[in-house]
PDB file of all heavy atoms in Angstrom:
ATOM      1  N   THR A   1     -24.186  31.093  53.969  1.00  0.00           N
ATOM      2  CA  THR A   1     -22.830  30.537  53.666  1.00  0.00           C
ATOM      3  C   THR A   1     -22.122  30.305  54.911  1.00  0.00           C
ATOM      4  O   THR A   1     -21.303  29.372  55.105  1.00  0.00           O
ATOM      5  CB  THR A   1     -22.128  31.572  52.753  1.00  0.00           C
ATOM      6  OG1 THR A   1     -22.918  31.753  51.501  1.00  0.00           O
ATOM      7  CG2 THR A   1     -20.740  31.114  52.446  1.00  0.00           C
ATOM      8  N   LYS A   2     -22.228  31.339  55.892  1.00  0.00           N
ATOM      9  CA  LYS A   2     -21.560  31.252  57.183  1.00  0.00           C
ATOM     10  C   LYS A   2     -22.381  31.924  58.203  1.00  0.00           C
ATOM     11  O   LYS A   2     -22.678  33.098  58.065  1.00  0.00           O
ATOM     12  CB  LYS A   2     -20.163  31.936  57.083  1.00  0.00           C
ATOM     13  CG  LYS A   2     -19.361  31.791  58.375  1.00  0.00           C
ATOM     14  CD  LYS A   2     -18.012  32.515  58.150  1.00  0.00           C
ATOM     15  CE  LYS A   2     -17.227  32.394  59.510  1.00  0.00           C
ATOM     16  NZ  LYS A   2     -15.933  33.094  59.408  1.00  0.00           N
ATOM     17  N   LYS A   3     -22.709  31.212  59.328  1.00  0.00           N
ATOM     18  CA  LYS A   3     -23.552  31.827  60.341  1.00  0.00           C
ATOM     19  C   LYS A   3     -22.930  33.069  60.952  1.00  0.00           C
ATOM     20  O   LYS A   3     -21.689  33.073  61.069  1.00  0.00           O
ATOM     21  CB  LYS A   3     -23.825  30.783  61.401  1.00  0.00           C
ATOM     22  CG  LYS A   3     -24.740  31.255  62.540  1.00  0.00           C
ATOM     23  CD  LYS A   3     -24.936  30.142  63.537  1.00  0.00           C
ATOM     24  CE  LYS A   3     -25.801  30.623  64.766  1.00  0.00           C
ATOM     25  NZ  LYS A   3     -26.001  29.517  65.818  1.00  0.00           N
ATOM     26  N   LEU A   4     -23.703  34.111  61.162  1.00  0.00           N
ATOM     27  CA  LEU A   4     -23.084  35.309  61.780  1.00  0.00           C
ATOM     28  C   LEU A   4     -22.691  35.023  63.245  1.00  0.00           C
ATOM     29  O   LEU A   4     -23.362  34.326  64.019  1.00  0.00           O
ATOM     30  CB  LEU A   4     -24.176  36.461  61.800  1.00  0.00           C
ATOM     31  CG  LEU A   4     -24.261  37.243  60.521  1.00  0.00           C
ATOM     32  CD1 LEU A   4     -24.575  36.434  59.296  1.00  0.00           C
ATOM     33  CD2 LEU A   4     -25.305  38.324  60.683  1.00  0.00           C
ATOM     34  N   ASN A   5     -21.549  35.660  63.609  1.00  0.00           N
ATOM     35  CA  ASN A   5     -21.134  35.625  65.060  1.00  0.00           C
ATOM     36  C   ASN A   5     -21.886  36.687  65.771  1.00  0.00           C
ATOM     37  O   ASN A   5     -22.712  37.420  65.214  1.00  0.00           O
ATOM     38  CB  ASN A   5     -19.633  35.768  65.119  1.00  0.00           C
ATOM     39  CG  ASN A   5     -19.114  37.069  64.700  1.00  0.00           C
ATOM     40  OD1 ASN A   5     -19.747  38.108  64.837  1.00  0.00           O
ATOM     41  ND2 ASN A   5     -17.996  37.110  64.016  1.00  0.00           N
ATOM     42  N   ARG A   6     -21.667  36.764  67.045  1.00  0.00           N
ATOM     43  CA  ARG A   6     -22.459  37.693  67.896  1.00  0.00           C
ATOM     44  C   ARG A   6     -22.278  39.160  67.554  1.00  0.00           C
ATOM     45  O   ARG A   6     -23.232  39.909  67.454  1.00  0.00           O
ATOM     46  CB  ARG A   6     -22.056  37.530  69.390  1.00  0.00           C
ATOM     47  CG  ARG A   6     -22.344  36.194  69.977  1.00  0.00           C
ATOM     48  CD  ARG A   6     -23.795  35.941  70.067  1.00  0.00           C
ATOM     49  NE  ARG A   6     -24.502  36.867  70.831  1.00  0.00           N
ATOM     50  CZ  ARG A   6     -25.865  36.885  70.947  1.00  0.00           C
ATOM     51  NH1 ARG A   6     -26.595  36.073  70.214  1.00  0.00           N
ATOM     52  NH2 ARG A   6     -26.447  37.724  71.720  1.00  0.00           N
ATOM     53  N   LYS A   7     -21.081  39.536  67.224  1.00  0.00           N
ATOM     54  CA  LYS A   7     -20.866  40.920  66.901  1.00  0.00           C
ATOM     55  C   LYS A   7     -21.469  41.271  65.520  1.00  0.00           C
ATOM     56  O   LYS A   7     -22.068  42.332  65.281  1.00  0.00           O
ATOM     57  CB  LYS A   7     -19.331  41.220  66.760  1.00  0.00           C
ATOM     58  CG  LYS A   7     -18.694  41.367  68.144  1.00  0.00           C
ATOM     59  CD  LYS A   7     -17.192  41.914  68.070  1.00  0.00           C
ATOM     60  CE  LYS A   7     -16.664  42.182  69.405  1.00  0.00           C
ATOM     61  NZ  LYS A   7     -15.263  42.770  69.333  1.00  0.00           N
ATOM     62  N   GLU A   8     -21.363  40.262  64.579  1.00  0.00           N
ATOM     63  CA  GLU A   8     -22.027  40.524  63.260  1.00  0.00           C
ATOM     64  C   GLU A   8     -23.546  40.636  63.345  1.00  0.00           C
ATOM     65  O   GLU A   8     -24.181  41.437  62.773  1.00  0.00           O
ATOM     66  CB  GLU A   8     -21.642  39.375  62.346  1.00  0.00           C
ATOM     67  CG  GLU A   8     -20.214  39.421  61.896  1.00  0.00           C
ATOM     68  CD  GLU A   8     -19.755  38.192  61.128  1.00  0.00           C
ATOM     69  OE1 GLU A   8     -20.428  37.080  61.266  1.00  0.00           O
ATOM     70  OE2 GLU A   8     -18.727  38.246  60.369  1.00  0.00           O
ATOM     71  N   LEU A   9     -24.168  39.759  64.214  1.00  0.00           N
ATOM     72  CA  LEU A   9     -25.521  39.789  64.468  1.00  0.00           C
ATOM     73  C   LEU A   9     -25.967  41.113  64.941  1.00  0.00           C
ATOM     74  O   LEU A   9     -27.038  41.676  64.412  1.00  0.00           O
ATOM     75  CB  LEU A   9     -25.942  38.673  65.489  1.00  0.00           C
ATOM     76  CG  LEU A   9     -27.403  38.595  65.887  1.00  0.00           C
ATOM     77  CD1 LEU A   9     -28.225  38.121  64.666  1.00  0.00           C
ATOM     78  CD2 LEU A   9     -27.547  37.638  67.018  1.00  0.00           C
ATOM     79  N   LYS A  10     -25.357  41.690  65.909  1.00  0.00           N
ATOM     80  CA  LYS A  10     -25.778  42.991  66.407  1.00  0.00           C
ATOM     81  C   LYS A  10     -25.407  44.160  65.460  1.00  0.00           C
ATOM     82  O   LYS A  10     -26.131  45.128  65.356  1.00  0.00           O
ATOM     83  CB  LYS A  10     -25.219  43.220  67.767  1.00  0.00           C
ATOM     84  CG  LYS A  10     -25.748  42.235  68.804  1.00  0.00           C
ATOM     85  CD  LYS A  10     -25.337  42.426  70.210  1.00  0.00           C
ATOM     86  CE  LYS A  10     -25.968  41.364  71.030  1.00  0.00           C
ATOM     87  NZ  LYS A  10     -25.715  41.661  72.526  1.00  0.00           N
ATOM     88  N   TYR A  11     -24.311  43.961  64.736  1.00  0.00           N
ATOM     89  CA  TYR A  11     -23.841  45.009  63.784  1.00  0.00           C
ATOM     90  C   TYR A  11     -24.900  45.155  62.652  1.00  0.00           C
ATOM     91  O   TYR A  11     -25.336  46.265  62.364  1.00  0.00           O
ATOM     92  CB  TYR A  11     -22.529  44.493  63.142  1.00  0.00           C
ATOM     93  CG  TYR A  11     -21.831  45.395  62.175  1.00  0.00           C
ATOM     94  CD1 TYR A  11     -21.006  46.404  62.547  1.00  0.00           C
ATOM     95  CD2 TYR A  11     -22.069  45.228  60.804  1.00  0.00           C
ATOM     96  CE1 TYR A  11     -20.386  47.292  61.678  1.00  0.00           C
ATOM     97  CE2 TYR A  11     -21.342  46.055  59.914  1.00  0.00           C
ATOM     98  CZ  TYR A  11     -20.593  47.001  60.306  1.00  0.00           C
ATOM     99  OH  TYR A  11     -19.905  47.805  59.384  1.00  0.00           O
ATOM    100  N   VAL A  12     -25.368  44.032  62.050  1.00  0.00           N
ATOM    101  CA  VAL A  12     -26.380  44.121  60.997  1.00  0.00           C
ATOM    102  C   VAL A  12     -27.704  44.599  61.570  1.00  0.00           C
ATOM    103  O   VAL A  12     -28.468  45.318  60.921  1.00  0.00           O
ATOM    104  CB  VAL A  12     -26.454  42.863  60.143  1.00  0.00           C
ATOM    105  CG1 VAL A  12     -25.122  42.573  59.542  1.00  0.00           C
ATOM    106  CG2 VAL A  12     -27.006  41.679  61.012  1.00  0.00           C
ATOM    107  N   SER A  13     -28.105  43.996  62.744  1.00  0.00           N
ATOM    108  CA  SER A  13     -29.439  44.332  63.285  1.00  0.00           C
ATOM    109  C   SER A  13     -29.504  45.854  63.562  1.00  0.00           C
ATOM    110  O   SER A  13     -30.542  46.439  63.279  1.00  0.00           O
ATOM    111  CB  SER A  13     -29.603  43.597  64.629  1.00  0.00           C
ATOM    112  OG  SER A  13     -29.652  42.232  64.393  1.00  0.00           O
ATOM    113  N   LYS A  14     -28.448  46.418  64.034  1.00  0.00           N
ATOM    114  CA  LYS A  14     -28.487  47.857  64.307  1.00  0.00           C
ATOM    115  C   LYS A  14     -28.724  48.695  63.095  1.00  0.00           C
ATOM    116  O   LYS A  14     -29.465  49.645  63.054  1.00  0.00           O
ATOM    117  CB  LYS A  14     -27.170  48.299  64.980  1.00  0.00           C
ATOM    118  CG  LYS A  14     -27.156  49.768  65.481  1.00  0.00           C
ATOM    119  CD  LYS A  14     -25.841  50.088  66.153  1.00  0.00           C
ATOM    120  CE  LYS A  14     -25.924  51.516  66.855  1.00  0.00           C
ATOM    121  NZ  LYS A  14     -24.723  51.879  67.489  1.00  0.00           N
ATOM    122  N   ARG A  15     -28.070  48.256  62.010  1.00  0.00           N
ATOM    123  CA  ARG A  15     -28.185  49.045  60.752  1.00  0.00           C
ATOM    124  C   ARG A  15     -29.577  48.874  60.110  1.00  0.00           C
ATOM    125  O   ARG A  15     -30.106  49.785  59.523  1.00  0.00           O
ATOM    126  CB  ARG A  15     -27.050  48.591  59.818  1.00  0.00           C
ATOM    127  CG  ARG A  15     -25.764  49.238  60.170  1.00  0.00           C
ATOM    128  CD  ARG A  15     -24.530  48.499  59.900  1.00  0.00           C
ATOM    129  NE  ARG A  15     -23.339  49.288  60.260  1.00  0.00           N
ATOM    130  CZ  ARG A  15     -22.874  49.490  61.521  1.00  0.00           C
ATOM    131  NH1 ARG A  15     -23.605  48.940  62.524  1.00  0.00           N
ATOM    132  NH2 ARG A  15     -21.862  50.257  61.780  1.00  0.00           N
ATOM    133  N   ILE A  16     -30.125  47.689  60.180  1.00  0.00           N
ATOM    134  CA  ILE A  16     -31.481  47.472  59.685  1.00  0.00           C
ATOM    135  C   ILE A  16     -32.492  48.341  60.404  1.00  0.00           C
ATOM    136  O   ILE A  16     -33.294  49.084  59.872  1.00  0.00           O
ATOM    137  CB  ILE A  16     -31.941  46.022  59.759  1.00  0.00           C
ATOM    138  CG1 ILE A  16     -31.061  45.158  58.913  1.00  0.00           C
ATOM    139  CG2 ILE A  16     -33.369  45.856  59.350  1.00  0.00           C
ATOM    140  CD1 ILE A  16     -31.188  43.606  59.113  1.00  0.00           C
ATOM    141  N   LEU A  17     -32.261  48.354  61.719  1.00  0.00           N
ATOM    142  CA  LEU A  17     -33.207  49.224  62.634  1.00  0.00           C
ATOM    143  C   LEU A  17     -33.036  50.721  62.371  1.00  0.00           C
ATOM    144  O   LEU A  17     -33.982  51.436  62.408  1.00  0.00           O
ATOM    145  CB  LEU A  17     -33.025  48.878  64.030  1.00  0.00           C
ATOM    146  CG  LEU A  17     -33.626  47.573  64.574  1.00  0.00           C
ATOM    147  CD1 LEU A  17     -33.106  47.194  65.972  1.00  0.00           C
ATOM    148  CD2 LEU A  17     -35.120  47.546  64.404  1.00  0.00           C
ATOM    149  N   GLU A  18     -31.769  51.114  62.100  1.00  0.00           N
ATOM    150  CA  GLU A  18     -31.446  52.543  61.853  1.00  0.00           C
ATOM    151  C   GLU A  18     -32.177  52.916  60.540  1.00  0.00           C
ATOM    152  O   GLU A  18     -32.813  54.010  60.473  1.00  0.00           O
ATOM    153  CB  GLU A  18     -30.015  52.757  61.647  1.00  0.00           C
ATOM    154  CG  GLU A  18     -29.202  52.686  62.972  1.00  0.00           C
ATOM    155  CD  GLU A  18     -29.285  53.939  63.829  1.00  0.00           C
ATOM    156  OE1 GLU A  18     -30.078  54.818  63.508  1.00  0.00           O
ATOM    157  OE2 GLU A  18     -28.496  53.997  64.784  1.00  0.00           O
ATOM    158  N   ALA A  19     -32.127  52.051  59.526  1.00  0.00           N
ATOM    159  CA  ALA A  19     -32.864  52.388  58.286  1.00  0.00           C
ATOM    160  C   ALA A  19     -34.366  52.407  58.533  1.00  0.00           C
ATOM    161  O   ALA A  19     -35.056  53.389  57.980  1.00  0.00           O
ATOM    162  CB  ALA A  19     -32.522  51.278  57.201  1.00  0.00           C
ATOM    163  N   LEU A  20     -34.904  51.500  59.246  1.00  0.00           N
ATOM    164  CA  LEU A  20     -36.335  51.428  59.491  1.00  0.00           C
ATOM    165  C   LEU A  20     -36.752  52.708  60.365  1.00  0.00           C
ATOM    166  O   LEU A  20     -37.812  53.302  60.102  1.00  0.00           O
ATOM    167  CB  LEU A  20     -36.748  50.213  60.246  1.00  0.00           C
ATOM    168  CG  LEU A  20     -36.696  48.935  59.366  1.00  0.00           C
ATOM    169  CD1 LEU A  20     -37.005  47.698  60.205  1.00  0.00           C
ATOM    170  CD2 LEU A  20     -37.613  48.981  58.182  1.00  0.00           C
ATOM    171  N   SER A  21     -35.934  53.043  61.304  1.00  0.00           N
ATOM    172  CA  SER A  21     -36.256  54.163  62.161  1.00  0.00           C
ATOM    173  C   SER A  21     -36.339  55.485  61.271  1.00  0.00           C
ATOM    174  O   SER A  21     -37.233  56.293  61.561  1.00  0.00           O
ATOM    175  CB  SER A  21     -35.195  54.394  63.173  1.00  0.00           C
ATOM    176  OG  SER A  21     -35.442  55.434  64.102  1.00  0.00           O
ATOM    177  N   THR A  22     -35.542  55.601  60.305  1.00  0.00           N
ATOM    178  CA  THR A  22     -35.572  56.799  59.482  1.00  0.00           C
ATOM    179  C   THR A  22     -36.867  56.796  58.648  1.00  0.00           C
ATOM    180  O   THR A  22     -37.560  57.838  58.567  1.00  0.00           O
ATOM    181  CB  THR A  22     -34.370  56.811  58.460  1.00  0.00           C
ATOM    182  OG1 THR A  22     -33.141  56.851  59.318  1.00  0.00           O
ATOM    183  CG2 THR A  22     -34.361  58.026  57.585  1.00  0.00           C
ATOM    184  N   LEU A  23     -37.202  55.669  58.073  1.00  0.00           N
ATOM    185  CA  LEU A  23     -38.442  55.569  57.275  1.00  0.00           C
ATOM    186  C   LEU A  23     -39.687  55.819  58.211  1.00  0.00           C
ATOM    187  O   LEU A  23     -40.564  56.554  57.838  1.00  0.00           O
ATOM    188  CB  LEU A  23     -38.591  54.202  56.693  1.00  0.00           C
ATOM    189  CG  LEU A  23     -37.677  53.879  55.519  1.00  0.00           C
ATOM    190  CD1 LEU A  23     -37.824  52.463  55.048  1.00  0.00           C
ATOM    191  CD2 LEU A  23     -37.815  54.764  54.297  1.00  0.00           C
ATOM    192  N   HIS A  24     -39.688  55.156  59.378  1.00  0.00           N
ATOM    193  CA  HIS A  24     -40.880  55.176  60.275  1.00  0.00           C
ATOM    194  C   HIS A  24     -40.990  56.632  60.896  1.00  0.00           C
ATOM    195  O   HIS A  24     -42.115  56.996  61.229  1.00  0.00           O
ATOM    196  CB  HIS A  24     -40.693  54.222  61.383  1.00  0.00           C
ATOM    197  CG  HIS A  24     -40.715  52.756  60.830  1.00  0.00           C
ATOM    198  ND1 HIS A  24     -40.539  51.601  61.683  1.00  0.00           N
ATOM    199  CD2 HIS A  24     -40.902  52.272  59.591  1.00  0.00           C
ATOM    200  CE1 HIS A  24     -40.640  50.574  60.995  1.00  0.00           C
ATOM    201  NE2 HIS A  24     -40.922  50.895  59.704  1.00  0.00           N
ATOM    202  N   GLU A  25     -39.902  57.305  61.004  1.00  0.00           N
ATOM    203  CA  GLU A  25     -40.011  58.711  61.560  1.00  0.00           C
ATOM    204  C   GLU A  25     -40.986  59.544  60.789  1.00  0.00           C
ATOM    205  O   GLU A  25     -41.711  60.423  61.327  1.00  0.00           O
ATOM    206  CB  GLU A  25     -38.657  59.359  61.590  1.00  0.00           C
ATOM    207  CG  GLU A  25     -38.577  60.719  62.286  1.00  0.00           C
ATOM    208  CD  GLU A  25     -37.174  61.257  62.316  1.00  0.00           C
ATOM    209  OE1 GLU A  25     -36.294  60.722  61.773  1.00  0.00           O
ATOM    210  OE2 GLU A  25     -37.077  62.419  62.872  1.00  0.00           O
ATOM    211  N   ASP A  26     -41.077  59.342  59.528  1.00  0.00           N
ATOM    212  CA  ASP A  26     -42.048  60.020  58.585  1.00  0.00           C
ATOM    213  C   ASP A  26     -43.258  59.228  58.289  1.00  0.00           C
ATOM    214  O   ASP A  26     -44.040  59.576  57.386  1.00  0.00           O
ATOM    215  CB  ASP A  26     -41.318  60.469  57.233  1.00  0.00           C
ATOM    216  CG  ASP A  26     -40.339  61.519  57.428  1.00  0.00           C
ATOM    217  OD1 ASP A  26     -40.109  62.005  58.587  1.00  0.00           O
ATOM    218  OD2 ASP A  26     -39.858  62.103  56.426  1.00  0.00           O
TER     219      ASP A  26
END
């Protein structure tokens, strides 16, 4: 619908990686 700006890009990327890091830790 609307391309992410730079802050949004890093905002969502960080949260996806945080979720994956939690799963991957175990």
